[in-house]
Amino acid sequence: MLTEKERKGWDALDEAARKAGGYLATPKRPLVVDADYRAMSKYCRERGIKPAELTKEEQAKFLYDKPLIYN
């Protein structure tokens, strides 16, 4: 899971990308994504909670069955 600092960084990047009309990034090393962090962040914002406050059941809603790997 992302730390609070990492999640805020993703949120800031997403907001800047929305304002700019989108973005494309190519990672320098394989990037493994095990959960849908955007959906999790939206879920938390809507409920006024922090990701660290999610229950295991709530966290499981956002996990991918098979992690996504970007090379």
Protein backbone atom coordinates (compact mmCIF):
# COMPACT_ATOMS: atom_id res chain seq x y z
CA MET A 1 0.00 0.00 0.00
CA LEU A 2 1.04 3.59 -0.55
CA THR A 3 2.14 5.77 2.31
CA GLU A 4 0.16 8.92 3.06
CA LYS A 5 2.92 11.02 1.46
CA GLU A 6 2.96 8.86 -1.70
CA ARG A 7 -0.85 8.99 -1.95
CA LYS A 8 -0.83 12.78 -1.69
CA GLY A 9 1.79 12.87 -4.45
CA TRP A 10 -0.41 10.72 -6.69
CA ASP A 11 -3.42 12.93 -5.91
CA ALA A 12 -1.45 16.07 -6.81
CA LEU A 13 -0.20 14.48 -10.04
CA ASP A 14 -3.72 13.37 -11.00
CA GLU A 15 -5.11 16.85 -10.33
CA ALA A 16 -2.37 18.52 -12.39
CA ALA A 17 -2.94 16.01 -15.20
CA ARG A 18 -6.70 16.68 -15.20
CA LYS A 19 -6.06 20.41 -15.49
CA ALA A 20 -3.54 19.86 -18.31
CA GLY A 21 -5.77 17.46 -20.23
CA GLY A 22 -3.96 14.20 -19.37
CA TYR A 23 -0.45 12.80 -19.25
CA LEU A 24 1.69 9.88 -20.41
CA ALA A 25 4.50 8.48 -18.30
CA THR A 26 6.98 5.72 -19.07
CA PRO A 27 8.57 4.18 -15.96
CA LYS A 28 12.35 3.63 -15.93
CA ARG A 29 11.90 0.28 -14.19
CA PRO A 30 9.03 -2.18 -14.05
CA LEU A 31 6.14 -0.69 -12.13
CA VAL A 32 3.97 -3.12 -10.18
CA VAL A 33 0.50 -1.88 -9.28
CA ASP A 34 -1.36 -4.13 -6.84
CA ALA A 35 -4.41 -1.93 -6.22
CA ASP A 36 -6.53 0.74 -7.88
CA TYR A 37 -5.16 3.66 -5.87
CA ARG A 38 -7.22 6.27 -7.72
CA ALA A 39 -10.46 4.52 -6.84
CA MET A 40 -9.26 4.02 -3.27
CA SER A 41 -8.34 7.70 -2.95
CA LYS A 42 -11.73 8.78 -4.33
CA TYR A 43 -13.51 6.39 -1.94
CA CYS A 44 -11.61 7.87 1.01
CA ARG A 45 -12.21 11.50 -0.05
CA GLU A 46 -15.94 10.84 -0.42
CA ARG A 47 -16.10 9.41 3.10
CA GLY A 48 -13.69 11.89 4.69
CA ILE A 49 -11.26 9.20 5.87
CA LYS A 50 -7.59 8.39 5.35
CA PRO A 51 -6.46 5.24 3.53
CA ALA A 52 -4.85 4.01 6.76
CA GLU A 53 -8.34 3.96 8.32
CA LEU A 54 -9.74 1.50 5.75
CA THR A 55 -10.71 -1.91 7.07
CA LYS A 56 -9.19 -5.02 5.49
CA GLU A 57 -12.53 -5.64 3.76
CA GLU A 58 -12.56 -2.12 2.31
CA GLN A 59 -8.94 -2.43 1.15
CA ALA A 60 -9.74 -5.72 -0.56
CA LYS A 61 -12.29 -3.94 -2.79
CA PHE A 62 -9.43 -2.16 -4.54
CA LEU A 63 -6.90 -4.98 -4.92
CA TYR A 64 -6.30 -6.44 -8.37
CA ASP A 65 -6.59 -10.23 -8.60
CA LYS A 66 -3.31 -10.17 -10.52
CA PRO A 67 -1.01 -7.14 -10.08
CA LEU A 68 -0.49 -4.98 -13.17
CA ILE A 69 3.12 -4.80 -14.34
CA TYR A 70 4.27 -1.98 -16.60
CA ASN A 71 7.70 -2.30 -18.21
